[in-house]
Amino acid sequence: MDSTKSTASIKLLTAPRIITLLGSVLVSLSSGTNYVCAYAPQLGARLNVSNTQLNIIGLAGNMGVYSTGPIWGRIVDRKGPRIPLIGASISLLVGYLGIKIIYDGGIGDRASVSSLELAVLVMCGYVTGLGGNAGLAASINTTAKSFPDSARATTTGFVISGFGLSAFFFSVLAHVLFPGDTSALLLVLALGTAVPMLIGLFIVRPVPLPSPGTTSTTTTIEAYDPIPSADAAVFLADPELVEPEDGDHAPLLSHGYENSSYHVPEPSVSVEMHPARSLSRGRDGKDGLPNIFGKQLWLTADFYLIFTIMSICSGIGIMYINNVGSISQALYAKANPIYDEVEALKWQAAQVSTVSVGNFAGRIIIGLISDFTRNRLNLPRAYCLCIVSAAFIVSQAFAIGVSSVESLWMASTLLGLAYGSLFGICPTIMIEWFGLAHLSENWGYVSFAPLIGGNLFSLMFGRNLDAHVPSQDTHSVLLARLWASSRALASDHQCFDGRECYVGSLKVTMVACVVSLGLSVWAGVRDGRKVRGRKSAV
């Protein structure tokens, strides 16, 4: 049965769906603040930490995002979005307030921040990442379960775009309200991320899709009504209501609400979208989607293919985002013998905003392209990975060629578009390859990929940047102090050589992007063969 035809009569613009979609965007917008790296150079200057240490703090946030993916994913799949939203609110508030307290305290007469304070900064970064991932998992899962396959890539892309726009939104907000005040920016991040998560508790709720074959007349009762009952059943289910293993699934709600897909599952199985979907691992349900999760996921070649592509591309994106402030400072310092810190901060903030806007646009654009590829061209969405990898190659080529801070916006825009496209398309491909029932849990496992790639490329970049800081022999120390003094730099870890400070790292990432493109082509061809095989078997 054609899933597009079966969902053609679903009204997408009902009030509950629109409210859920907008609420998910709000939560997603508050979840991507790990990419607000505008305060990183100022944090390094005030606490006198090296570029490598700054990258470790930034990577702690990324580790919080990606290492907790499977945990939050399983909770969302089983319990719904409420618990993750509460956890996100608390984690983001505590994390950013902790960073703010250490920043405000400074180092006094000490040479640098203490080991304990550095450890606390790393932990606070991790907690902010943990909270951001909780909010993102809740918003993506809720949206994916509220819209049919024909519009799923576009709607989830729209929600994920909020995650990409987060850095731009909060950077501009702090710049308008508290220009040049890093402490105020951290306070805005703490409150501006925690409060929307609490708002999401009331408006981010799944709107169930009708069961396959349901007539259009039943869609008139589509609303929030079944949701609280299902949520209550999940949170407060009596053990007698939980189905035994391999048992038949009976609707939790009365016959009048059978269009709701929510049933009380067995403890080891997440809430299903359709009553007819098979719960057996690795087998296709009647809706045509597979249901691969748990151990079976780790035994599937497709999992390692998308994991590798994600590791390469997301790692390159994280490296650039974490260090774009340092890149802009290096280019500005090279071209301006008289260093103006205020002007340098403007260029730095501009790059963060540019990456964020590109990130936002990429997530929306790839969703539209993906749905067009699937619905109009009848091709697997995996082919869109080729577009993403090619965009990364172009972005790295521009970054290597840029020699002035005035031109850096081109590389930042392209990197943002590529990075946003990657995270916009991959969840939808995960649904096609592994199914919707365990989307959040499966996506959580794939989210380990940016953790590996981000650590590898970011630490490489940080070490390369530190290697270009003036050496510490007597002659170089004297020159460095005179140079830094004339340029009014607050940090001893500044590189003055412009693009030479980092271009070696970008050459490595360029090669990695070419490898990713080859894997993406393979993924598209492989997926196309599988689709043709299924059609010929019917």
Protein backbone atom coordinates (compact mmCIF):
# COMPACT_ATOMS: atom_id res chain seq x y z
CA MET A 1 0.00 0.00 0.00
CA ASP A 2 1.30 3.41 -0.94
CA SER A 3 1.95 5.34 2.25
CA THR A 4 1.53 8.63 0.39
CA LYS A 5 -1.96 7.70 -0.71
CA SER A 6 -2.91 6.41 2.71
CA THR A 7 -2.06 9.75 4.28
CA ALA A 8 -3.34 11.99 1.51
CA SER A 9 -6.55 12.77 3.38
CA ILE A 10 -4.80 13.80 6.59
CA LYS A 11 -5.34 17.44 7.40
CA LEU A 12 -1.90 18.88 8.14
CA LEU A 13 -3.04 22.36 9.10
CA THR A 14 -5.27 21.48 12.04
CA ALA A 15 -4.85 23.62 15.14
CA PRO A 16 -3.34 20.83 17.31
CA ARG A 17 -0.71 20.04 14.68
CA ILE A 18 0.21 23.66 14.15
CA ILE A 19 0.51 24.27 17.90
CA THR A 20 2.63 21.15 18.30
CA LEU A 21 4.85 22.17 15.37
CA LEU A 22 5.38 25.71 16.66
CA GLY A 23 5.99 24.46 20.19
CA SER A 24 8.57 21.99 18.88
CA VAL A 25 10.32 24.81 16.99
CA LEU A 26 10.42 26.89 20.19
CA VAL A 27 11.97 24.01 22.12
CA SER A 28 14.43 23.28 19.31
CA LEU A 29 15.39 26.97 19.16
CA SER A 30 16.35 26.77 22.83
CA SER A 31 18.26 23.49 22.41
CA GLY A 32 21.06 24.50 20.03
CA THR A 33 22.89 27.00 22.22
CA ASN A 34 26.00 24.82 22.34
CA TYR A 35 26.82 26.47 19.04
CA VAL A 36 26.84 29.92 20.67
CA CYS A 37 30.64 30.05 20.79
CA ALA A 38 30.73 33.85 20.77
CA TYR A 39 31.81 33.87 24.40
CA ALA A 40 34.63 31.29 23.97
CA PRO A 41 37.51 33.69 23.13
CA GLN A 42 36.42 36.04 25.91
CA LEU A 43 36.21 33.13 28.32
CA GLY A 44 39.72 32.10 27.28
CA ALA A 45 41.09 35.62 27.63
CA ARG A 46 39.53 36.26 31.05
CA LEU A 47 40.57 32.90 32.49
CA ASN A 48 43.83 32.67 30.48
CA VAL A 49 43.23 29.20 29.04
CA SER A 50 44.72 27.84 25.83
CA ASN A 51 42.92 27.11 22.58
CA THR A 52 43.20 23.40 23.26
CA GLN A 53 41.54 23.84 26.67
CA LEU A 54 38.79 25.95 25.09
CA ASN A 55 38.20 23.17 22.60
CA ILE A 56 37.96 20.66 25.45
CA ILE A 57 35.29 22.83 27.13
CA GLY A 58 33.43 23.12 23.86
CA LEU A 59 33.74 19.40 23.20
CA ALA A 60 32.31 18.68 26.66
CA GLY A 61 29.11 20.38 25.51
CA ASN A 62 29.10 18.32 22.33
CA MET A 63 29.72 15.20 24.40
CA GLY A 64 26.71 16.10 26.53
CA VAL A 65 24.61 16.37 23.38
CA TYR A 66 25.70 13.19 21.68
CA SER A 67 26.59 10.78 24.49
CA THR A 68 23.14 11.10 26.08
CA GLY A 69 21.28 10.53 22.82
CA PRO A 70 20.36 6.86 23.40
CA ILE A 71 19.21 7.59 26.96
CA TRP A 72 16.95 10.51 26.07
CA GLY A 73 15.83 8.68 22.95
CA ARG A 74 14.63 5.66 24.91
CA ILE A 75 12.85 7.89 27.42
CA VAL A 76 11.09 9.85 24.67
CA ASP A 77 10.10 6.68 22.81
CA ARG A 78 8.64 5.13 25.95
CA LYS A 79 7.41 8.02 28.07
CA GLY A 80 6.84 10.90 25.69
CA PRO A 81 8.37 14.40 25.72
CA ARG A 82 7.55 15.57 29.26
CA ILE A 83 10.43 14.06 31.26
CA PRO A 84 13.08 15.22 28.74
CA LEU A 85 11.66 18.75 28.72
CA ILE A 86 11.86 18.99 32.51
CA GLY A 87 15.42 17.63 32.45
CA ALA A 88 16.37 20.07 29.69
CA SER A 89 15.11 23.08 31.62
CA ILE A 90 17.05 22.19 34.77
CA SER A 91 20.25 21.20 32.95
CA LEU A 92 20.46 24.33 30.79
CA LEU A 93 19.80 26.63 33.74
CA VAL A 94 22.43 24.99 35.96
CA GLY A 95 25.04 24.66 33.20
CA TYR A 96 25.05 28.24 31.96
CA LEU A 97 24.78 29.74 35.43
CA GLY A 98 27.81 27.68 36.46
CA ILE A 99 29.86 29.01 33.53
CA LYS A 100 28.70 32.55 34.33
CA ILE A 101 29.76 32.30 37.98
CA ILE A 102 33.29 31.17 37.07
CA TYR A 103 33.57 33.79 34.32
CA ASP A 104 32.48 36.57 36.69
CA GLY A 105 34.97 35.40 39.33
CA GLY A 106 37.93 35.59 36.96
CA ILE A 107 41.42 34.48 38.00
CA GLY A 108 42.50 37.44 40.11
CA ASP A 109 46.27 37.43 40.59
CA ARG A 110 46.68 33.85 39.41
CA ALA A 111 48.35 32.97 36.13
CA SER A 112 45.44 30.89 34.94
CA VAL A 113 42.25 29.19 36.00
CA SER A 114 42.67 26.39 38.56
CA SER A 115 42.32 22.73 37.63
CA LEU A 116 39.16 22.49 39.72
CA GLU A 117 37.56 25.46 38.01
CA LEU A 118 38.53 24.06 34.61
CA ALA A 119 36.91 20.76 35.56
CA VAL A 120 33.75 22.58 36.64
CA LEU A 121 33.68 24.45 33.32
CA VAL A 122 33.96 21.15 31.47
CA MET A 123 31.16 19.66 33.57
CA CYS A 124 28.93 22.71 33.05
CA GLY A 125 29.52 22.46 29.32
CA TYR A 126 28.54 18.80 29.43
CA VAL A 127 25.35 19.59 31.34
CA THR A 128 24.29 22.25 28.82
CA GLY A 129 24.79 19.72 26.04
CA LEU A 130 22.77 17.14 27.94
CA GLY A 131 19.90 19.59 28.33
CA GLY A 132 20.02 20.69 24.71
CA ASN A 133 19.82 17.11 23.47
CA ALA A 134 16.85 16.36 25.73
CA GLY A 135 14.88 19.24 24.23
CA LEU A 136 15.87 18.35 20.67
CA ALA A 137 14.92 14.67 21.10
CA ALA A 138 11.50 15.65 22.46
CA SER A 139 10.77 18.11 19.65
CA ILE A 140 11.92 15.85 16.77
CA ASN A 141 10.12 12.77 18.07
CA THR A 142 6.88 14.64 18.65
CA THR A 143 6.92 16.20 15.19
CA ALA A 144 7.79 12.95 13.41
CA LYS A 145 4.86 11.20 15.08
CA SER A 146 2.44 14.02 14.29
CA PHE A 147 2.92 14.26 10.51
CA PRO A 148 2.68 11.68 7.70
CA ASP A 149 5.58 10.47 5.59
CA SER A 150 4.71 12.79 2.69
CA ALA A 151 5.44 15.85 4.86
CA ARG A 152 7.71 14.37 7.49
CA ALA A 153 11.06 15.55 6.10
CA THR A 154 9.80 19.10 5.65
CA THR A 155 8.23 19.38 9.10
CA THR A 156 11.10 17.75 10.97
CA GLY A 157 13.52 19.88 8.95
CA PHE A 158 11.58 22.95 10.03
CA VAL A 159 11.85 21.92 13.67
CA ILE A 160 15.54 21.04 13.43
CA SER A 161 16.14 24.39 11.73
CA GLY A 162 15.29 26.04 15.03
CA PHE A 163 18.21 24.15 16.54
CA GLY A 164 20.46 25.62 13.87
CA LEU A 165 19.12 29.14 14.32
CA SER A 166 19.64 29.06 18.08
CA ALA A 167 23.16 30.50 18.04
CA PHE A 168 22.13 33.41 15.83
CA PHE A 169 19.02 34.16 17.88
CA PHE A 170 20.73 34.28 21.25
CA SER A 171 23.83 36.06 19.95
CA VAL A 172 21.74 38.82 18.39
CA LEU A 173 19.49 39.04 21.45
CA ALA A 174 22.44 39.50 23.79
CA HIS A 175 24.17 41.92 21.39
CA VAL A 176 21.07 44.12 21.18
CA LEU A 177 20.28 44.04 24.90
CA PHE A 178 23.81 43.81 26.37
CA PRO A 179 26.41 44.70 23.72
CA GLY A 180 29.90 43.52 24.63
CA ASP A 181 28.78 42.05 27.96
CA THR A 182 29.76 38.36 28.01
CA SER A 183 28.39 37.85 31.51
CA ALA A 184 24.99 39.10 30.38
CA LEU A 185 25.12 36.77 27.38
CA LEU A 186 25.61 33.79 29.71
CA LEU A 187 22.66 34.94 31.81
CA VAL A 188 20.49 35.26 28.71
CA LEU A 189 21.51 31.75 27.72
CA ALA A 190 20.62 30.38 31.15
CA LEU A 191 17.15 31.93 31.38
CA GLY A 192 16.35 32.04 27.68
CA THR A 193 16.81 28.29 27.32
CA ALA A 194 15.28 27.04 30.56
CA VAL A 195 11.95 28.90 30.34
CA PRO A 196 10.94 27.73 26.81
CA MET A 197 11.40 24.12 27.92
CA LEU A 198 8.82 24.67 30.63
CA ILE A 199 6.47 26.23 28.08
CA GLY A 200 6.97 23.16 25.91
CA LEU A 201 5.51 20.98 28.65
CA PHE A 202 2.08 22.37 27.79
CA ILE A 203 2.18 22.54 23.99
CA VAL A 204 4.64 19.90 22.73
CA ARG A 205 2.41 16.83 22.57
CA PRO A 206 2.06 14.25 19.78
CA VAL A 207 -1.02 14.43 17.57
CA PRO A 208 -1.70 10.81 16.53
CA LEU A 209 -1.99 9.83 12.91
CA PRO A 210 -5.00 7.80 11.77
CA SER A 211 -4.48 4.10 11.31
CA PRO A 212 -3.87 2.82 7.76
CA GLY A 213 -7.15 2.56 5.91
CA THR A 214 -8.97 4.98 8.19
CA THR A 215 -11.51 7.00 6.28
CA SER A 216 -11.32 10.73 6.07
CA THR A 217 -14.40 11.14 8.28
CA THR A 218 -12.51 9.84 11.27
CA THR A 219 -9.95 12.61 10.96
CA THR A 220 -12.49 15.10 12.25
CA ILE A 221 -11.87 13.89 15.80
CA GLU A 222 -8.13 14.33 15.39
CA ALA A 223 -7.09 16.48 18.34
CA TYR A 224 -5.23 16.45 21.63
CA ASP A 225 -7.99 14.46 23.35
CA PRO A 226 -6.33 11.05 23.06
CA ILE A 227 -2.89 12.39 24.03
CA PRO A 228 -3.34 13.01 27.77
CA SER A 229 -4.94 9.60 28.13
CA ALA A 230 -2.06 7.95 26.36
CA ASP A 231 0.47 9.93 28.37
CA ALA A 232 -1.29 9.03 31.56
CA ALA A 233 -1.32 5.41 30.51
CA VAL A 234 2.39 5.49 29.87
CA PHE A 235 3.23 7.24 33.13
CA LEU A 236 0.68 5.53 35.37
CA ALA A 237 -0.01 2.26 33.60
CA ASP A 238 -1.17 -0.54 35.84
CA PRO A 239 0.96 -3.66 35.41
CA GLU A 240 -2.15 -5.58 34.39
CA LEU A 241 -2.61 -3.28 31.39
CA VAL A 242 0.87 -3.96 30.03
CA GLU A 243 0.77 -6.53 27.30
CA PRO A 244 2.71 -9.78 27.70
CA GLU A 245 5.53 -10.47 25.31
CA ASP A 246 4.42 -11.42 21.80
CA GLY A 247 0.86 -10.64 22.75
CA ASP A 248 -1.70 -9.02 20.52
CA HIS A 249 -2.01 -5.26 20.74
CA ALA A 250 -5.40 -3.96 21.80
CA PRO A 251 -6.25 -0.26 21.70
CA LEU A 252 -5.99 1.50 25.05
CA LEU A 253 -8.75 3.93 24.09
CA SER A 254 -12.36 3.16 23.27
CA HIS A 255 -13.48 2.20 19.78
CA GLY A 256 -14.51 5.78 19.11
CA TYR A 257 -10.86 6.85 19.23
CA GLU A 258 -9.34 3.98 17.33
CA ASN A 259 -7.75 6.46 14.96
CA SER A 260 -5.28 7.14 17.76
CA SER A 261 -2.23 4.96 17.37
CA TYR A 262 -1.28 5.00 21.04
CA HIS A 263 -1.27 1.69 22.84
CA VAL A 264 0.29 0.55 26.09
CA PRO A 265 3.28 -1.50 24.95
CA GLU A 266 5.30 -4.10 26.68
CA PRO A 267 8.09 -2.66 28.85
CA SER A 268 10.81 -3.33 26.29
CA VAL A 269 9.02 -1.77 23.35
CA SER A 270 8.36 1.88 22.58
CA VAL A 271 4.99 3.37 21.73
CA GLU A 272 3.97 2.42 18.19
CA MET A 273 2.59 4.75 15.56
CA HIS A 274 0.26 2.28 13.87
CA PRO A 275 -1.59 -0.71 15.38
CA ALA A 276 -0.66 -2.84 12.41
CA ARG A 277 3.08 -2.31 12.69
CA SER A 278 5.05 -5.43 13.40
CA LEU A 279 7.08 -5.39 16.57
CA SER A 280 9.54 -7.98 15.35
CA ARG A 281 13.01 -6.64 14.94
CA GLY A 282 14.17 -6.15 11.40
CA ARG A 283 10.84 -6.98 9.75
CA ASP A 284 8.74 -4.60 7.73
CA GLY A 285 5.36 -3.62 9.09
CA LYS A 286 2.24 -3.35 6.97
CA ASP A 287 2.96 0.35 6.51
CA GLY A 288 6.17 -0.53 4.69
CA LEU A 289 8.55 0.81 7.35
CA PRO A 290 11.10 -1.50 8.97
CA ASN A 291 11.37 -1.86 12.74
CA ILE A 292 15.06 -2.28 13.51
CA PHE A 293 16.39 -1.37 16.95
CA GLY A 294 18.57 -2.55 19.80
CA LYS A 295 21.05 -5.32 19.02
CA GLN A 296 19.73 -5.72 15.47
CA LEU A 297 20.65 -2.08 14.75
CA TRP A 298 24.28 -2.72 15.62
CA LEU A 299 24.34 -5.73 13.29
CA THR A 300 23.09 -3.74 10.30
CA ALA A 301 25.57 -2.49 7.70
CA ASP A 302 23.44 0.59 7.01
CA PHE A 303 23.96 1.72 10.59
CA TYR A 304 27.75 1.81 10.19
CA LEU A 305 27.46 3.52 6.83
CA ILE A 306 25.41 6.47 8.09
CA PHE A 307 27.47 6.49 11.31
CA THR A 308 30.70 6.96 9.34
CA ILE A 309 29.25 9.70 7.13
CA MET A 310 27.93 11.48 10.22
CA SER A 311 31.28 11.15 12.01
CA ILE A 312 33.16 12.83 9.17
CA CYS A 313 30.75 15.60 8.24
CA SER A 314 29.49 16.51 11.71
CA GLY A 315 33.03 16.40 13.09
CA ILE A 316 34.17 18.92 10.49
CA GLY A 317 31.16 21.12 11.21
CA ILE A 318 31.73 21.03 14.97
CA MET A 319 35.42 21.84 14.49
CA TYR A 320 34.61 24.91 12.42
CA ILE A 321 31.80 26.11 14.68
CA ASN A 322 33.91 25.74 17.82
CA ASN A 323 36.82 27.63 16.27
CA VAL A 324 35.28 30.20 13.93
CA GLY A 325 35.85 32.87 16.57
CA SER A 326 39.57 32.05 16.67
CA ILE A 327 39.70 31.95 12.86
CA SER A 328 38.18 35.42 12.58
CA GLN A 329 40.55 36.78 15.23
CA ALA A 330 43.58 35.32 13.44
CA LEU A 331 42.54 36.86 10.12
CA TYR A 332 41.76 40.22 11.75
CA ALA A 333 45.06 40.29 13.68
CA LYS A 334 47.01 39.58 10.48
CA ALA A 335 45.45 42.49 8.60
CA ASN A 336 45.35 45.08 11.39
CA PRO A 337 48.65 46.12 13.04
CA ILE A 338 46.63 48.15 15.55
CA TYR A 339 44.33 45.56 17.07
CA ASP A 340 40.87 46.88 17.98
CA GLU A 341 39.26 44.35 20.31
CA VAL A 342 35.76 45.80 19.90
CA GLU A 343 36.00 45.60 16.12
CA ALA A 344 37.42 42.07 16.33
CA LEU A 345 34.47 41.03 18.51
CA LYS A 346 32.05 42.35 15.87
CA TRP A 347 33.64 40.20 13.18
CA GLN A 348 33.65 37.24 15.53
CA ALA A 349 29.95 37.65 16.35
CA ALA A 350 29.17 38.08 12.65
CA GLN A 351 30.69 34.68 11.86
CA VAL A 352 28.70 32.96 14.60
CA SER A 353 25.51 34.54 13.29
CA THR A 354 26.36 33.67 9.68
CA VAL A 355 26.98 30.00 10.51
CA SER A 356 23.76 29.90 12.50
CA VAL A 357 21.63 31.39 9.72
CA GLY A 358 23.19 28.99 7.21
CA ASN A 359 22.55 26.14 9.61
CA PHE A 360 18.91 27.19 9.89
CA ALA A 361 18.44 27.52 6.13
CA GLY A 362 20.18 24.22 5.38
CA ARG A 363 17.81 22.24 7.58
CA ILE A 364 14.76 23.66 5.85
CA ILE A 365 16.14 23.45 2.31
CA ILE A 366 17.26 19.82 2.64
CA GLY A 367 13.83 18.89 3.98
CA LEU A 368 12.15 20.32 0.88
CA ILE A 369 14.72 18.67 -1.41
CA SER A 370 14.29 15.38 0.43
CA ASP A 371 10.51 15.32 0.09
CA PHE A 372 10.81 16.32 -3.58
CA THR A 373 13.31 13.50 -4.17
CA ARG A 374 11.06 10.98 -2.44
CA ASN A 375 7.62 12.09 -3.66
CA ARG A 376 8.34 13.48 -7.14
CA LEU A 377 11.45 11.66 -8.32
CA ASN A 378 10.60 8.40 -6.53
CA LEU A 379 14.21 8.09 -5.36
CA PRO A 380 15.42 7.15 -1.87
CA ARG A 381 16.25 10.09 0.36
CA ALA A 382 19.73 8.63 0.84
CA TYR A 383 20.75 10.28 -2.43
CA CYS A 384 20.52 13.62 -0.62
CA LEU A 385 23.61 12.64 1.36
CA CYS A 386 25.61 13.27 -1.82
CA ILE A 387 24.36 16.87 -1.82
CA VAL A 388 25.38 17.26 1.81
CA SER A 389 28.89 15.86 1.35
CA ALA A 390 29.44 17.98 -1.77
CA ALA A 391 28.39 21.07 0.19
CA PHE A 392 31.00 20.27 2.84
CA ILE A 393 33.69 19.98 0.17
CA VAL A 394 32.79 23.40 -1.24
CA SER A 395 32.73 24.96 2.23
CA GLN A 396 36.22 23.68 3.05
CA ALA A 397 37.54 24.87 -0.30
CA PHE A 398 36.25 28.37 0.42
CA ALA A 399 37.64 28.29 3.97
CA ILE A 400 41.08 27.36 2.66
CA GLY A 401 41.02 30.15 0.09
CA VAL A 402 39.80 32.93 2.39
CA SER A 403 42.62 35.26 3.44
CA SER A 404 40.67 38.19 4.95
CA VAL A 405 38.09 38.39 7.68
CA GLU A 406 35.83 40.39 5.36
CA SER A 407 35.48 37.34 3.08
CA LEU A 408 35.10 34.73 5.81
CA TRP A 409 31.30 35.00 5.68
CA MET A 410 31.26 32.96 2.46
CA ALA A 411 32.95 29.96 4.09
CA SER A 412 30.79 30.34 7.20
CA THR A 413 27.57 30.45 5.17
CA LEU A 414 28.47 27.36 3.15
CA LEU A 415 29.58 25.47 6.25
CA GLY A 416 26.33 26.37 7.99
CA LEU A 417 24.27 25.21 5.01
CA ALA A 418 26.15 21.91 4.81
CA TYR A 419 26.01 21.27 8.55
CA GLY A 420 22.32 22.10 8.77
CA SER A 421 21.55 19.90 5.76
CA LEU A 422 23.34 16.98 7.39
CA PHE A 423 21.23 17.11 10.53
CA GLY A 424 18.11 17.90 8.56
CA ILE A 425 18.27 14.81 6.33
CA CYS A 426 19.72 12.12 8.60
CA PRO A 427 16.71 11.65 10.95
CA THR A 428 14.44 11.12 7.94
CA ILE A 429 16.85 8.59 6.44
CA MET A 430 16.91 6.85 9.81
CA ILE A 431 13.12 6.46 9.57
CA GLU A 432 13.37 4.99 6.07
CA TRP A 433 16.16 2.59 7.01
CA PHE A 434 15.21 1.58 10.56
CA GLY A 435 11.59 2.67 11.14
CA LEU A 436 9.73 5.25 13.19
CA ALA A 437 8.81 3.29 16.32
CA HIS A 438 12.30 3.60 17.83
CA LEU A 439 13.45 6.74 16.04
CA SER A 440 14.72 8.61 19.09
CA GLU A 441 16.61 5.65 20.50
CA ASN A 442 18.20 4.79 17.14
CA TRP A 443 19.04 8.44 16.47
CA GLY A 444 20.64 8.55 19.90
CA TYR A 445 23.06 5.80 18.90
CA VAL A 446 23.89 7.53 15.62
CA SER A 447 24.49 10.69 17.65
CA PHE A 448 27.66 9.12 19.01
CA ALA A 449 29.13 9.83 15.57
CA PRO A 450 29.52 13.62 16.06
CA LEU A 451 31.10 12.87 19.41
CA ILE A 452 33.88 10.89 17.73
CA GLY A 453 34.31 13.16 14.72
CA GLY A 454 33.99 16.35 16.74
CA ASN A 455 36.65 15.28 19.22
CA LEU A 456 39.05 14.16 16.52
CA PHE A 457 38.85 17.22 14.28
CA SER A 458 38.46 19.85 17.03
CA LEU A 459 41.46 18.65 19.02
CA MET A 460 43.48 18.48 15.81
CA PHE A 461 42.51 22.07 15.02
CA GLY A 462 43.24 23.30 18.55
CA ARG A 463 46.69 21.69 18.65
CA ASN A 464 47.52 23.06 15.21
CA LEU A 465 46.42 26.54 16.28
CA ASP A 466 48.47 26.37 19.47
CA ALA A 467 51.48 25.23 17.43
CA HIS A 468 51.35 28.54 15.54
CA VAL A 469 51.32 30.66 18.69
CA PRO A 470 54.76 32.33 19.06
CA SER A 471 57.21 29.85 20.59
CA GLN A 472 58.36 30.24 24.16
CA ASP A 473 62.09 30.74 23.69
CA THR A 474 63.46 34.02 25.03
CA HIS A 475 63.59 35.83 21.72
CA SER A 476 60.07 34.79 20.70
CA VAL A 477 58.63 35.64 24.11
CA LEU A 478 59.99 39.19 23.80
CA LEU A 479 58.61 39.61 20.29
CA ALA A 480 55.27 38.10 21.26
CA ARG A 481 54.87 40.46 24.20
CA LEU A 482 55.73 43.49 22.11
CA TRP A 483 53.35 42.31 19.39
CA ALA A 484 50.54 41.55 21.82
CA SER A 485 51.07 44.84 23.62
CA SER A 486 50.87 46.86 20.42
CA ARG A 487 47.67 45.07 19.47
CA ALA A 488 46.04 45.28 22.88
CA LEU A 489 45.29 41.54 22.98
CA ALA A 490 44.15 40.13 26.30
CA SER A 491 45.24 36.57 25.56
CA ASP A 492 48.74 35.10 25.31
CA HIS A 493 47.40 32.30 23.10
CA GLN A 494 46.71 34.38 19.99
CA CYS A 495 48.10 33.44 16.58
CA PHE A 496 48.97 36.39 14.31
CA ASP A 497 49.67 34.54 11.04
CA GLY A 498 46.19 34.72 9.54
CA ARG A 499 45.15 31.69 7.49
CA GLU A 500 48.50 30.00 8.12
CA CYS A 501 47.31 29.44 11.70
CA TYR A 502 44.76 26.87 10.65
CA VAL A 503 44.94 26.08 6.91
CA GLY A 504 46.81 22.82 7.57
CA SER A 505 43.81 21.50 9.50
CA LEU A 506 41.44 22.45 6.68
CA LYS A 507 43.47 20.49 4.14
CA VAL A 508 42.96 17.40 6.30
CA THR A 509 39.22 18.02 6.52
CA MET A 510 39.02 18.48 2.75
CA VAL A 511 40.35 14.94 2.23
CA ALA A 512 37.86 13.65 4.80
CA CYS A 513 35.00 15.34 2.93
CA VAL A 514 35.98 13.55 -0.29
CA VAL A 515 35.83 10.23 1.57
CA SER A 516 32.37 11.16 2.86
CA LEU A 517 31.19 11.92 -0.68
CA GLY A 518 32.30 8.49 -1.85
CA LEU A 519 30.40 6.85 1.02
CA SER A 520 27.32 8.97 0.28
CA VAL A 521 27.28 7.86 -3.36
CA TRP A 522 27.54 4.28 -2.17
CA ALA A 523 24.66 4.82 0.30
CA GLY A 524 22.40 6.21 -2.42
CA VAL A 525 23.17 3.46 -4.93
CA ARG A 526 22.83 0.78 -2.27
CA ASP A 527 19.50 2.12 -1.06
CA GLY A 528 18.23 2.42 -4.62
CA ARG A 529 19.03 -1.24 -5.28
CA LYS A 530 17.19 -2.28 -2.13
CA VAL A 531 14.10 -0.29 -3.14
CA ARG A 532 14.09 -1.83 -6.62
CA GLY A 533 14.51 -5.27 -5.07
CA ARG A 534 11.48 -4.75 -2.86
CA LYS A 535 9.36 -3.55 -5.78
CA SER A 536 10.33 -6.53 -7.93
CA ALA A 537 9.49 -8.90 -5.08
CA VAL A 538 5.94 -7.53 -4.77
